[in-house]
């Protein structure tokens, strides 16, 4: 069963869901209609952080190109990882 959290993005309620996306060969999804961000449970460490940043950017800036989102997400995730940002072990997954 997918694990989810309620988050706010630009003042709007969204769901953050962790579930397997391996069969679809995806790391993450951003669904504007349901306001749901899905992150694949098979990701670890900086890859998970990169994907979360990537999907959050899509949610915040739906107009941005995929190339722009990918570049900015990877830059943010890399810097945050270098600064020691990590997900708490008590994440509910």
PDB file of N, CA and C in Angstrom:
ATOM      1  N   UNK A   1       0.844  -1.183   0.000  1.00  0.00           N
ATOM      2  CA  UNK A   1       0.000   0.000   0.000  1.00  0.00           C
ATOM      3  C   UNK A   1       0.887   1.244   0.000  1.00  0.00           C
ATOM      4  N   UNK A   2       0.589   2.238  -0.855  1.00  0.00           N
ATOM      5  CA  UNK A   2       1.415   3.439  -0.914  1.00  0.00           C
ATOM      6  C   UNK A   2       1.332   4.245   0.384  1.00  0.00           C
ATOM      7  N   UNK A   3       2.448   4.844   0.741  1.00  0.00           N
ATOM      8  CA  UNK A   3       2.489   5.753   1.887  1.00  0.00           C
ATOM      9  C   UNK A   3       2.334   7.166   1.362  1.00  0.00           C
ATOM     10  N   UNK A   4       1.588   7.996   2.090  1.00  0.00           N
ATOM     11  CA  UNK A   4       1.377   9.351   1.613  1.00  0.00           C
ATOM     12  C   UNK A   4       1.459  10.358   2.741  1.00  0.00           C
ATOM     13  N   UNK A   5       1.744  11.578   2.333  1.00  0.00           N
ATOM     14  CA  UNK A   5       1.789  12.714   3.245  1.00  0.00           C
ATOM     15  C   UNK A   5       1.019  13.860   2.616  1.00  0.00           C
ATOM     16  N   UNK A   6       0.466  14.689   3.451  1.00  0.00           N
ATOM     17  CA  UNK A   6      -0.217  15.885   2.982  1.00  0.00           C
ATOM     18  C   UNK A   6       0.781  17.040   3.050  1.00  0.00           C
ATOM     19  N   UNK A   7       0.948  17.742   1.937  1.00  0.00           N
ATOM     20  CA  UNK A   7       1.865  18.876   1.877  1.00  0.00           C
ATOM     21  C   UNK A   7       1.155  20.051   1.230  1.00  0.00           C
ATOM     22  N   UNK A   8       1.737  21.239   1.347  1.00  0.00           N
ATOM     23  CA  UNK A   8       1.201  22.422   0.671  1.00  0.00           C
ATOM     24  C   UNK A   8       2.242  22.936  -0.303  1.00  0.00           C
ATOM     25  N   UNK A   9       1.791  23.228  -1.513  1.00  0.00           N
ATOM     26  CA  UNK A   9       2.645  23.792  -2.546  1.00  0.00           C
ATOM     27  C   UNK A   9       1.936  25.021  -3.075  1.00  0.00           C
ATOM     28  N   UNK A  10       2.588  26.173  -2.967  1.00  0.00           N
ATOM     29  CA  UNK A  10       1.999  27.445  -3.400  1.00  0.00           C
ATOM     30  C   UNK A  10       0.625  27.652  -2.758  1.00  0.00           C
ATOM     31  N   UNK A  11       0.511  27.264  -1.498  1.00  0.00           N
ATOM     32  CA  UNK A  11      -0.718  27.458  -0.743  1.00  0.00           C
ATOM     33  C   UNK A  11      -1.817  26.454  -1.025  1.00  0.00           C
ATOM     34  N   UNK A  12      -1.553  25.488  -1.907  1.00  0.00           N
ATOM     35  CA  UNK A  12      -2.559  24.494  -2.272  1.00  0.00           C
ATOM     36  C   UNK A  12      -2.220  23.136  -1.647  1.00  0.00           C
ATOM     37  N   UNK A  13      -3.235  22.396  -1.226  1.00  0.00           N
ATOM     38  CA  UNK A  13      -2.970  21.065  -0.668  1.00  0.00           C
ATOM     39  C   UNK A  13      -2.595  20.070  -1.757  1.00  0.00           C
ATOM     40  N   UNK A  14      -1.554  19.314  -1.514  1.00  0.00           N
ATOM     41  CA  UNK A  14      -1.074  18.262  -2.404  1.00  0.00           C
ATOM     42  C   UNK A  14      -0.848  17.000  -1.582  1.00  0.00           C
ATOM     43  N   UNK A  15      -0.785  15.878  -2.274  1.00  0.00           N
ATOM     44  CA  UNK A  15      -0.406  14.611  -1.664  1.00  0.00           C
ATOM     45  C   UNK A  15       0.993  14.254  -2.158  1.00  0.00           C
ATOM     46  N   UNK A  16       1.817  13.764  -1.254  1.00  0.00           N
ATOM     47  CA  UNK A  16       3.116  13.207  -1.609  1.00  0.00           C
ATOM     48  C   UNK A  16       3.025  11.715  -1.337  1.00  0.00           C
ATOM     49  N   UNK A  17       3.142  10.918  -2.390  1.00  0.00           N
ATOM     50  CA  UNK A  17       2.945   9.474  -2.294  1.00  0.00           C
ATOM     51  C   UNK A  17       4.235   8.758  -2.685  1.00  0.00           C
ATOM     52  N   UNK A  18       4.588   7.758  -1.904  1.00  0.00           N
ATOM     53  CA  UNK A  18       5.717   6.881  -2.227  1.00  0.00           C
ATOM     54  C   UNK A  18       5.153   5.520  -2.607  1.00  0.00           C
ATOM     55  N   UNK A  19       5.439   5.083  -3.841  1.00  0.00           N
ATOM     56  CA  UNK A  19       5.030   3.752  -4.286  1.00  0.00           C
ATOM     57  C   UNK A  19       5.920   3.330  -5.449  1.00  0.00           C
ATOM     58  N   UNK A  20       5.863   2.060  -5.774  1.00  0.00           N
ATOM     59  CA  UNK A  20       6.702   1.546  -6.850  1.00  0.00           C
ATOM     60  C   UNK A  20       6.232   2.078  -8.204  1.00  0.00           C
ATOM     61  N   UNK A  21       7.190   2.576  -8.974  1.00  0.00           N
ATOM     62  CA  UNK A  21       6.931   3.006 -10.348  1.00  0.00           C
ATOM     63  C   UNK A  21       7.843   2.254 -11.310  1.00  0.00           C
ATOM     64  N   UNK A  22       8.471   1.182 -10.822  1.00  0.00           N
ATOM     65  CA  UNK A  22       9.455   0.455 -11.619  1.00  0.00           C
ATOM     66  C   UNK A  22       8.852  -0.134 -12.891  1.00  0.00           C
ATOM     67  N   UNK A  23       7.641  -0.652 -12.826  1.00  0.00           N
ATOM     68  CA  UNK A  23       7.021  -1.233 -14.019  1.00  0.00           C
ATOM     69  C   UNK A  23       6.784  -0.187 -15.105  1.00  0.00           C
ATOM     70  N   UNK A  24       6.605   1.052 -14.676  1.00  0.00           N
ATOM     71  CA  UNK A  24       6.399   2.145 -15.633  1.00  0.00           C
ATOM     72  C   UNK A  24       7.722   2.796 -16.030  1.00  0.00           C
ATOM     73  N   UNK A  25       8.808   2.323 -15.432  1.00  0.00           N
ATOM     74  CA  UNK A  25      10.154   2.847 -15.710  1.00  0.00           C
ATOM     75  C   UNK A  25      10.231   4.346 -15.419  1.00  0.00           C
ATOM     76  N   UNK A  26       9.637   4.741 -14.299  1.00  0.00           N
ATOM     77  CA  UNK A  26       9.632   6.149 -13.889  1.00  0.00           C
ATOM     78  C   UNK A  26      10.232   6.294 -12.501  1.00  0.00           C
ATOM     79  N   UNK A  27      10.804   7.462 -12.263  1.00  0.00           N
ATOM     80  CA  UNK A  27      11.300   7.791 -10.921  1.00  0.00           C
ATOM     81  C   UNK A  27      10.258   8.586 -10.146  1.00  0.00           C
ATOM     82  N   UNK A  28       9.469   9.394 -10.854  1.00  0.00           N
ATOM     83  CA  UNK A  28       8.466  10.208 -10.197  1.00  0.00           C
ATOM     84  C   UNK A  28       7.423  10.708 -11.173  1.00  0.00           C
ATOM     85  N   UNK A  29       6.338  11.223 -10.594  1.00  0.00           N
ATOM     86  CA  UNK A  29       5.225  11.772 -11.376  1.00  0.00           C
ATOM     87  C   UNK A  29       4.667  12.989 -10.661  1.00  0.00           C
ATOM     88  N   UNK A  30       4.163  13.936 -11.440  1.00  0.00           N
ATOM     89  CA  UNK A  30       3.454  15.089 -10.894  1.00  0.00           C
ATOM     90  C   UNK A  30       2.112  15.171 -11.614  1.00  0.00           C
ATOM     91  N   UNK A  31       1.037  14.969 -10.879  1.00  0.00           N
ATOM     92  CA  UNK A  31      -0.310  14.994 -11.455  1.00  0.00           C
ATOM     93  C   UNK A  31      -1.015  16.262 -10.986  1.00  0.00           C
ATOM     94  N   UNK A  32      -1.197  17.204 -11.913  1.00  0.00           N
ATOM     95  CA  UNK A  32      -1.823  18.485 -11.569  1.00  0.00           C
ATOM     96  C   UNK A  32      -3.302  18.330 -11.266  1.00  0.00           C
ATOM     97  N   UNK A  33      -3.964  17.389 -11.925  1.00  0.00           N
ATOM     98  CA  UNK A  33      -5.405  17.217 -11.722  1.00  0.00           C
ATOM     99  C   UNK A  33      -5.745  16.753 -10.319  1.00  0.00           C
ATOM    100  N   UNK A  34      -4.955  15.831  -9.801  1.00  0.00           N
ATOM    101  CA  UNK A  34      -5.221  15.308  -8.455  1.00  0.00           C
ATOM    102  C   UNK A  34      -4.318  15.950  -7.405  1.00  0.00           C
ATOM    103  N   UNK A  35      -3.433  16.845  -7.856  1.00  0.00           N
ATOM    104  CA  UNK A  35      -2.430  17.464  -6.976  1.00  0.00           C
ATOM    105  C   UNK A  35      -1.683  16.387  -6.184  1.00  0.00           C
ATOM    106  N   UNK A  36      -1.091  15.461  -6.934  1.00  0.00           N
ATOM    107  CA  UNK A  36      -0.355  14.357  -6.323  1.00  0.00           C
ATOM    108  C   UNK A  36       1.032  14.258  -6.931  1.00  0.00           C
ATOM    109  N   UNK A  37       2.026  14.193  -6.057  1.00  0.00           N
ATOM    110  CA  UNK A  37       3.400  13.896  -6.460  1.00  0.00           C
ATOM    111  C   UNK A  37       3.682  12.478  -6.000  1.00  0.00           C
ATOM    112  N   UNK A  38       4.171  11.658  -6.927  1.00  0.00           N
ATOM    113  CA  UNK A  38       4.510  10.275  -6.608  1.00  0.00           C
ATOM    114  C   UNK A  38       6.006  10.091  -6.813  1.00  0.00           C
ATOM    115  N   UNK A  39       6.666   9.492  -5.824  1.00  0.00           N
ATOM    116  CA  UNK A  39       8.097   9.195  -5.892  1.00  0.00           C
ATOM    117  C   UNK A  39       8.253   7.683  -5.747  1.00  0.00           C
ATOM    118  N   UNK A  40       9.055   7.103  -6.617  1.00  0.00           N
ATOM    119  CA  UNK A  40       9.263   5.652  -6.621  1.00  0.00           C
ATOM    120  C   UNK A  40       9.999   5.206  -5.358  1.00  0.00           C
ATOM    121  N   UNK A  41       9.502   4.147  -4.764  1.00  0.00           N
ATOM    122  CA  UNK A  41      10.094   3.635  -3.526  1.00  0.00           C
ATOM    123  C   UNK A  41      11.445   2.962  -3.733  1.00  0.00           C
ATOM    124  N   UNK A  42      11.800   2.648  -4.971  1.00  0.00           N
ATOM    125  CA  UNK A  42      13.081   1.957  -5.197  1.00  0.00           C
ATOM    126  C   UNK A  42      14.265   2.919  -5.227  1.00  0.00           C
ATOM    127  N   UNK A  43      13.998   4.224  -5.196  1.00  0.00           N
ATOM    128  CA  UNK A  43      15.092   5.202  -5.217  1.00  0.00           C
ATOM    129  C   UNK A  43      15.712   5.328  -3.833  1.00  0.00           C
ATOM    130  N   UNK A  44      16.986   5.668  -3.822  1.00  0.00           N
ATOM    131  CA  UNK A  44      17.671   5.846  -2.542  1.00  0.00           C
ATOM    132  C   UNK A  44      18.548   7.084  -2.599  1.00  0.00           C
ATOM    133  N   UNK A  45      18.803   7.605  -1.434  1.00  0.00           N
ATOM    134  CA  UNK A  45      19.774   8.672  -1.242  1.00  0.00           C
ATOM    135  C   UNK A  45      19.538   9.872  -2.157  1.00  0.00           C
ATOM    136  N   UNK A  46      20.585  10.321  -2.830  1.00  0.00           N
ATOM    137  CA  UNK A  46      20.502  11.550  -3.613  1.00  0.00           C
ATOM    138  C   UNK A  46      19.555  11.402  -4.805  1.00  0.00           C
ATOM    139  N   UNK A  47      19.358  10.188  -5.307  1.00  0.00           N
ATOM    140  CA  UNK A  47      18.414   9.990  -6.416  1.00  0.00           C
ATOM    141  C   UNK A  47      16.977  10.290  -5.973  1.00  0.00           C
ATOM    142  N   UNK A  48      16.638   9.878  -4.773  1.00  0.00           N
ATOM    143  CA  UNK A  48      15.310  10.186  -4.238  1.00  0.00           C
ATOM    144  C   UNK A  48      15.151  11.691  -4.033  1.00  0.00           C
ATOM    145  N   UNK A  49      16.174  12.334  -3.484  1.00  0.00           N
ATOM    146  CA  UNK A  49      16.132  13.777  -3.270  1.00  0.00           C
ATOM    147  C   UNK A  49      16.007  14.514  -4.599  1.00  0.00           C
ATOM    148  N   UNK A  50      16.759  14.083  -5.599  1.00  0.00           N
ATOM    149  CA  UNK A  50      16.698  14.679  -6.930  1.00  0.00           C
ATOM    150  C   UNK A  50      15.283  14.550  -7.512  1.00  0.00           C
ATOM    151  N   UNK A  51      14.711  13.375  -7.402  1.00  0.00           N
ATOM    152  CA  UNK A  51      13.362  13.153  -7.938  1.00  0.00           C
ATOM    153  C   UNK A  51      12.332  13.989  -7.194  1.00  0.00           C
ATOM    154  N   UNK A  52      12.444  14.072  -5.892  1.00  0.00           N
ATOM    155  CA  UNK A  52      11.510  14.898  -5.128  1.00  0.00           C
ATOM    156  C   UNK A  52      11.630  16.360  -5.540  1.00  0.00           C
ATOM    157  N   UNK A  53      12.840  16.871  -5.653  1.00  0.00           N
ATOM    158  CA  UNK A  53      13.042  18.254  -6.116  1.00  0.00           C
ATOM    159  C   UNK A  53      12.451  18.441  -7.510  1.00  0.00           C
ATOM    160  N   UNK A  54      12.681  17.475  -8.381  1.00  0.00           N
ATOM    161  CA  UNK A  54      12.197  17.532  -9.754  1.00  0.00           C
ATOM    162  C   UNK A  54      10.668  17.642  -9.793  1.00  0.00           C
ATOM    163  N   UNK A  55       9.990  16.775  -9.070  1.00  0.00           N
ATOM    164  CA  UNK A  55       8.523  16.782  -9.088  1.00  0.00           C
ATOM    165  C   UNK A  55       7.953  18.010  -8.374  1.00  0.00           C
ATOM    166  N   UNK A  56       8.623  18.470  -7.321  1.00  0.00           N
ATOM    167  CA  UNK A  56       8.187  19.707  -6.654  1.00  0.00           C
ATOM    168  C   UNK A  56       8.305  20.903  -7.598  1.00  0.00           C
ATOM    169  N   UNK A  57       9.369  20.940  -8.381  1.00  0.00           N
ATOM    170  CA  UNK A  57       9.516  22.016  -9.362  1.00  0.00           C
ATOM    171  C   UNK A  57       8.405  21.968 -10.405  1.00  0.00           C
ATOM    172  N   UNK A  58       8.053  20.782 -10.869  1.00  0.00           N
ATOM    173  CA  UNK A  58       6.922  20.667 -11.795  1.00  0.00           C
ATOM    174  C   UNK A  58       5.650  21.226 -11.147  1.00  0.00           C
ATOM    175  N   UNK A  59       5.427  20.887  -9.895  1.00  0.00           N
ATOM    176  CA  UNK A  59       4.219  21.350  -9.205  1.00  0.00           C
ATOM    177  C   UNK A  59       4.207  22.871  -9.048  1.00  0.00           C
ATOM    178  N   UNK A  60       5.362  23.450  -8.773  1.00  0.00           N
ATOM    179  CA  UNK A  60       5.464  24.902  -8.566  1.00  0.00           C
ATOM    180  C   UNK A  60       5.504  25.676  -9.876  1.00  0.00           C
ATOM    181  N   UNK A  61       6.107  25.095 -10.891  1.00  0.00           N
ATOM    182  CA  UNK A  61       6.338  25.793 -12.154  1.00  0.00           C
ATOM    183  C   UNK A  61       5.933  24.899 -13.323  1.00  0.00           C
ATOM    184  N   UNK A  62       4.649  24.678 -13.455  1.00  0.00           N
ATOM    185  CA  UNK A  62       4.141  23.806 -14.506  1.00  0.00           C
ATOM    186  C   UNK A  62       4.505  24.268 -15.904  1.00  0.00           C
ATOM    187  N   UNK A  63       4.870  25.518 -16.043  1.00  0.00           N
ATOM    188  CA  UNK A  63       5.222  26.096 -17.343  1.00  0.00           C
ATOM    189  C   UNK A  63       6.671  25.819 -17.734  1.00  0.00           C
ATOM    190  N   UNK A  64       7.501  25.388 -16.799  1.00  0.00           N
ATOM    191  CA  UNK A  64       8.931  25.206 -17.058  1.00  0.00           C
ATOM    192  C   UNK A  64       9.172  23.979 -17.943  1.00  0.00           C
ATOM    193  N   UNK A  65      10.180  24.068 -18.773  1.00  0.00           N
ATOM    194  CA  UNK A  65      10.515  22.947 -19.654  1.00  0.00           C
ATOM    195  C   UNK A  65      11.108  21.793 -18.848  1.00  0.00           C
ATOM    196  N   UNK A  66      11.028  20.608 -19.402  1.00  0.00           N
ATOM    197  CA  UNK A  66      11.589  19.425 -18.747  1.00  0.00           C
ATOM    198  C   UNK A  66      13.090  19.570 -18.555  1.00  0.00           C
ATOM    199  N   UNK A  67      13.786  20.117 -19.555  1.00  0.00           N
ATOM    200  CA  UNK A  67      15.232  20.309 -19.432  1.00  0.00           C
ATOM    201  C   UNK A  67      15.567  21.248 -18.279  1.00  0.00           C
ATOM    202  N   UNK A  68      14.816  22.339 -18.154  1.00  0.00           N
ATOM    203  CA  UNK A  68      15.055  23.303 -17.072  1.00  0.00           C
ATOM    204  C   UNK A  68      14.802  22.647 -15.711  1.00  0.00           C
ATOM    205  N   UNK A  69      13.678  21.958 -15.606  1.00  0.00           N
ATOM    206  CA  UNK A  69      13.329  21.291 -14.342  1.00  0.00           C
ATOM    207  C   UNK A  69      14.405  20.273 -13.963  1.00  0.00           C
ATOM    208  N   UNK A  70      14.850  19.472 -14.926  1.00  0.00           N
ATOM    209  CA  UNK A  70      15.866  18.457 -14.647  1.00  0.00           C
ATOM    210  C   UNK A  70      17.170  19.085 -14.177  1.00  0.00           C
ATOM    211  N   UNK A  71      17.592  20.151 -14.848  1.00  0.00           N
ATOM    212  CA  UNK A  71      18.849  20.809 -14.477  1.00  0.00           C
ATOM    213  C   UNK A  71      18.769  21.431 -13.082  1.00  0.00           C
ATOM    214  N   UNK A  72      17.710  22.151 -12.815  1.00  0.00           N
ATOM    215  CA  UNK A  72      17.569  22.817 -11.515  1.00  0.00           C
ATOM    216  C   UNK A  72      17.413  21.782 -10.397  1.00  0.00           C
ATOM    217  N   UNK A  73      16.606  20.753 -10.619  1.00  0.00           N
ATOM    218  CA  UNK A  73      16.407  19.727  -9.592  1.00  0.00           C
ATOM    219  C   UNK A  73      17.707  19.038  -9.230  1.00  0.00           C
ATOM    220  N   UNK A  74      18.496  18.685 -10.232  1.00  0.00           N
ATOM    221  CA  UNK A  74      19.766  18.009  -9.971  1.00  0.00           C
ATOM    222  C   UNK A  74      20.734  18.931  -9.239  1.00  0.00           C
ATOM    223  N   UNK A  75      20.763  20.193  -9.622  1.00  0.00           N
ATOM    224  CA  UNK A  75      21.620  21.160  -8.925  1.00  0.00           C
ATOM    225  C   UNK A  75      21.201  21.296  -7.466  1.00  0.00           C
ATOM    226  N   UNK A  76      19.902  21.480  -7.226  1.00  0.00           N
ATOM    227  CA  UNK A  76      19.406  21.606  -5.846  1.00  0.00           C
ATOM    228  C   UNK A  76      19.711  20.360  -5.032  1.00  0.00           C
ATOM    229  N   UNK A  77      19.407  19.193  -5.588  1.00  0.00           N
ATOM    230  CA  UNK A  77      19.622  17.947  -4.855  1.00  0.00           C
ATOM    231  C   UNK A  77      21.100  17.730  -4.533  1.00  0.00           C
ATOM    232  N   UNK A  78      21.964  18.033  -5.483  1.00  0.00           N
ATOM    233  CA  UNK A  78      23.403  17.849  -5.271  1.00  0.00           C
ATOM    234  C   UNK A  78      23.917  18.759  -4.159  1.00  0.00           C
ATOM    235  N   UNK A  79      23.526  20.020  -4.199  1.00  0.00           N
ATOM    236  CA  UNK A  79      23.976  20.971  -3.174  1.00  0.00           C
ATOM    237  C   UNK A  79      23.399  20.604  -1.814  1.00  0.00           C
ATOM    238  N   UNK A  80      22.107  20.296  -1.763  1.00  0.00           N
ATOM    239  CA  UNK A  80      21.490  19.902  -0.485  1.00  0.00           C
ATOM    240  C   UNK A  80      22.162  18.651   0.074  1.00  0.00           C
ATOM    241  N   UNK A  81      22.474  17.694  -0.780  1.00  0.00           N
ATOM    242  CA  UNK A  81      23.147  16.463  -0.334  1.00  0.00           C
ATOM    243  C   UNK A  81      24.539  16.783   0.202  1.00  0.00           C
ATOM    244  N   UNK A  82      25.268  17.653  -0.504  1.00  0.00           N
ATOM    245  CA  UNK A  82      26.606  18.042  -0.050  1.00  0.00           C
ATOM    246  C   UNK A  82      26.554  18.755   1.302  1.00  0.00           C
ATOM    247  N   UNK A  83      25.467  19.473   1.560  1.00  0.00           N
ATOM    248  CA  UNK A  83      25.303  20.178   2.831  1.00  0.00           C
ATOM    249  C   UNK A  83      24.812  19.268   3.955  1.00  0.00           C
ATOM    250  N   UNK A  84      24.520  18.019   3.620  1.00  0.00           N
ATOM    251  CA  UNK A  84      24.150  17.057   4.652  1.00  0.00           C
ATOM    252  C   UNK A  84      22.660  16.828   4.833  1.00  0.00           C
ATOM    253  N   UNK A  85      21.840  17.355   3.932  1.00  0.00           N
ATOM    254  CA  UNK A  85      20.402  17.138   4.069  1.00  0.00           C
ATOM    255  C   UNK A  85      20.071  15.690   3.750  1.00  0.00           C
ATOM    256  N   UNK A  86      19.359  15.055   4.677  1.00  0.00           N
ATOM    257  CA  UNK A  86      18.944  13.657   4.540  1.00  0.00           C
ATOM    258  C   UNK A  86      17.527  13.517   5.056  1.00  0.00           C
ATOM    259  N   UNK A  87      16.826  12.537   4.519  1.00  0.00           N
ATOM    260  CA  UNK A  87      15.487  12.232   5.003  1.00  0.00           C
ATOM    261  C   UNK A  87      15.625  11.533   6.346  1.00  0.00           C
ATOM    262  N   UNK A  88      14.743  11.867   7.262  1.00  0.00           N
ATOM    263  CA  UNK A  88      14.745  11.197   8.549  1.00  0.00           C
ATOM    264  C   UNK A  88      14.361   9.737   8.371  1.00  0.00           C
ATOM    265  N   UNK A  89      14.924   8.874   9.192  1.00  0.00           N
ATOM    266  CA  UNK A  89      14.607   7.452   9.121  1.00  0.00           C
ATOM    267  C   UNK A  89      13.132   7.205   9.445  1.00  0.00           C
ATOM    268  N   UNK A  90      12.527   8.066  10.205  1.00  0.00           N
ATOM    269  CA  UNK A  90      11.139   7.925  10.609  1.00  0.00           C
ATOM    270  C   UNK A  90      10.235   8.616   9.587  1.00  0.00           C
ATOM    271  N   UNK A  91      10.262   8.144   8.321  1.00  0.00           N
ATOM    272  CA  UNK A  91       9.509   8.793   7.255  1.00  0.00           C
ATOM    273  C   UNK A  91       8.181   8.105   6.944  1.00  0.00           C
ATOM    274  N   UNK A  92       7.853   7.048   7.648  1.00  0.00           N
ATOM    275  CA  UNK A  92       6.582   6.389   7.437  1.00  0.00           C
ATOM    276  C   UNK A  92       6.547   5.407   6.277  1.00  0.00           C
ATOM    277  N   UNK A  93       7.675   5.188   5.611  1.00  0.00           N
ATOM    278  CA  UNK A  93       7.683   4.235   4.488  1.00  0.00           C
ATOM    279  C   UNK A  93       7.829   2.828   4.970  1.00  0.00           C
TER     280      UNK A  93
END
